Amino acid sequence: VTVDSFGRILGFLGPLRKTKRKWINWITSLMAQPWFWGDCSGNLAQSKLMVPNVPNGAFLIRFSRMDANFTLSYVHGGRVWHTRIVHAYGSASFMLEGGKTEYSSLGAFVDALK
């Protein structure tokens, strides 16, 4: 892991104001979510979501290639769509690009999708 890569990942997973144990628990919890795919490309997300009989609304969340944002990849109308989840570097706020509702965690964001 390079310093640049490590710093970028910290941007996804910050802020570091939490105690070490809470921060590690938060990361462990996120990595255990079936909808979180981490450092997954758009092409891989597309291939995983475009399988026979996948229902509308199936989704995964992955690291974006842009800044410290995340990407929501989802199925709608028989196609896979990708949209950014805006997350400022090191912040604890998540918002769908162009949206107005801010969420305090990716889990809260996912709960609102259901």
Protein backbone atom coordinates (compact mmCIF):
# COMPACT_ATOMS: atom_id res chain seq x y z
CA VAL A 1 0.00 0.00 0.00
CA THR A 2 1.41 3.36 -0.98
CA VAL A 3 1.12 6.46 1.19
CA ASP A 4 -1.18 8.04 -1.42
CA SER A 5 -3.40 4.97 -1.47
CA PHE A 6 -3.51 4.79 2.32
CA GLY A 7 -4.38 8.49 2.59
CA ARG A 8 -7.16 8.09 0.03
CA ILE A 9 -8.65 5.18 1.97
CA LEU A 10 -8.51 7.21 5.19
CA GLY A 11 -10.54 9.86 3.37
CA PHE A 12 -13.25 7.30 2.66
CA LEU A 13 -13.25 6.01 6.21
CA GLY A 14 -12.66 9.17 8.30
CA PRO A 15 -12.98 11.11 10.45
CA LEU A 16 -10.34 9.83 12.82
CA ARG A 17 -11.76 11.78 15.76
CA LYS A 18 -13.36 8.59 16.99
CA THR A 19 -11.35 6.50 19.42
CA LYS A 20 -9.22 3.85 17.73
CA ARG A 21 -11.49 1.04 18.90
CA LYS A 22 -14.66 2.75 17.60
CA TRP A 23 -12.96 3.54 14.30
CA ILE A 24 -11.79 -0.06 13.84
CA ASN A 25 -15.25 -1.35 14.81
CA TRP A 26 -16.87 1.01 12.30
CA ILE A 27 -14.55 -0.18 9.51
CA THR A 28 -15.11 -3.84 10.45
CA SER A 29 -18.87 -3.30 10.45
CA LEU A 30 -18.79 -1.57 7.05
CA MET A 31 -16.65 -4.29 5.48
CA ALA A 32 -19.11 -6.93 6.73
CA GLN A 33 -22.08 -5.38 4.91
CA PRO A 34 -23.17 -7.45 1.88
CA TRP A 35 -23.86 -4.27 -0.10
CA PHE A 36 -20.35 -2.82 0.42
CA TRP A 37 -17.82 -3.86 -2.21
CA GLY A 38 -14.96 -1.48 -1.37
CA ASP A 39 -12.43 -0.94 -4.14
CA CYS A 40 -14.52 -2.41 -6.96
CA SER A 41 -14.45 -1.01 -10.50
CA GLY A 42 -17.55 0.13 -12.34
CA ASN A 43 -17.11 -2.74 -14.81
CA LEU A 44 -16.97 -5.32 -12.02
CA ALA A 45 -20.03 -3.77 -10.34
CA GLN A 46 -21.88 -3.93 -13.65
CA SER A 47 -21.00 -7.57 -14.22
CA LYS A 48 -22.07 -8.55 -10.69
CA LEU A 49 -25.41 -6.75 -11.00
CA MET A 50 -26.25 -7.80 -14.57
CA VAL A 51 -27.05 -11.44 -13.90
CA PRO A 52 -30.31 -13.16 -14.85
CA ASN A 53 -33.33 -12.39 -12.67
CA VAL A 54 -31.73 -9.54 -10.71
CA PRO A 55 -34.62 -7.40 -9.47
CA ASN A 56 -34.96 -3.65 -9.86
CA GLY A 57 -33.46 -2.03 -6.80
CA ALA A 58 -30.55 -4.46 -6.39
CA PHE A 59 -27.46 -2.41 -5.54
CA LEU A 60 -23.95 -2.24 -4.18
CA ILE A 61 -21.83 0.59 -2.83
CA ARG A 62 -18.16 0.94 -3.68
CA PHE A 63 -15.33 3.44 -3.44
CA SER A 64 -15.54 6.06 -6.18
CA ARG A 65 -12.56 6.81 -8.39
CA MET A 66 -13.17 10.51 -7.64
CA ASP A 67 -11.90 11.99 -4.39
CA ALA A 68 -13.25 10.39 -1.18
CA ASN A 69 -16.71 9.82 -2.62
CA PHE A 70 -18.54 6.53 -2.92
CA THR A 71 -20.56 5.18 -5.86
CA LEU A 72 -24.00 3.62 -5.70
CA SER A 73 -24.36 1.05 -8.51
CA TYR A 74 -27.94 -0.14 -8.90
CA VAL A 75 -30.34 -1.94 -11.22
CA HIS A 76 -33.33 -0.12 -12.69
CA GLY A 77 -35.26 -0.91 -15.84
CA GLY A 78 -32.98 -3.80 -16.75
CA ARG A 79 -29.87 -1.58 -16.72
CA VAL A 80 -27.12 -0.86 -14.22
CA TRP A 81 -26.74 2.77 -13.22
CA HIS A 82 -23.93 4.41 -11.28
CA THR A 83 -24.32 7.57 -9.23
CA ARG A 84 -22.04 9.33 -6.81
CA ILE A 85 -22.53 9.47 -3.07
CA VAL A 86 -20.87 12.72 -2.08
CA HIS A 87 -18.60 12.34 0.93
CA ALA A 88 -16.10 15.09 1.64
CA TYR A 89 -12.62 13.87 2.57
CA GLY A 90 -12.61 12.81 6.22
CA SER A 91 -16.22 13.84 6.87
CA ALA A 92 -19.04 11.89 8.48
CA SER A 93 -21.69 13.02 6.00
CA PHE A 94 -23.08 11.23 2.94
CA MET A 95 -25.42 12.65 0.28
CA LEU A 96 -26.58 11.45 -3.12
CA GLU A 97 -25.10 13.74 -5.76
CA GLY A 98 -27.69 16.43 -6.53
CA GLY A 99 -29.71 15.41 -3.47
CA LYS A 100 -30.63 17.50 -0.46
CA THR A 101 -30.75 14.89 2.30
CA GLU A 102 -27.58 14.33 4.26
CA TYR A 103 -26.93 11.06 6.12
CA SER A 104 -24.59 10.47 9.05
CA SER A 105 -23.39 7.08 7.77
CA LEU A 106 -23.52 4.81 4.75
CA GLY A 107 -25.77 2.52 6.82
CA ALA A 108 -28.27 5.37 7.30
CA PHE A 109 -28.07 6.09 3.57
CA VAL A 110 -28.82 2.43 2.75
CA ASP A 111 -31.71 2.33 5.26
CA ALA A 112 -33.27 5.28 3.43
CA LEU A 113 -33.05 3.34 0.13
CA LYS A 114 -35.27 0.56 1.47
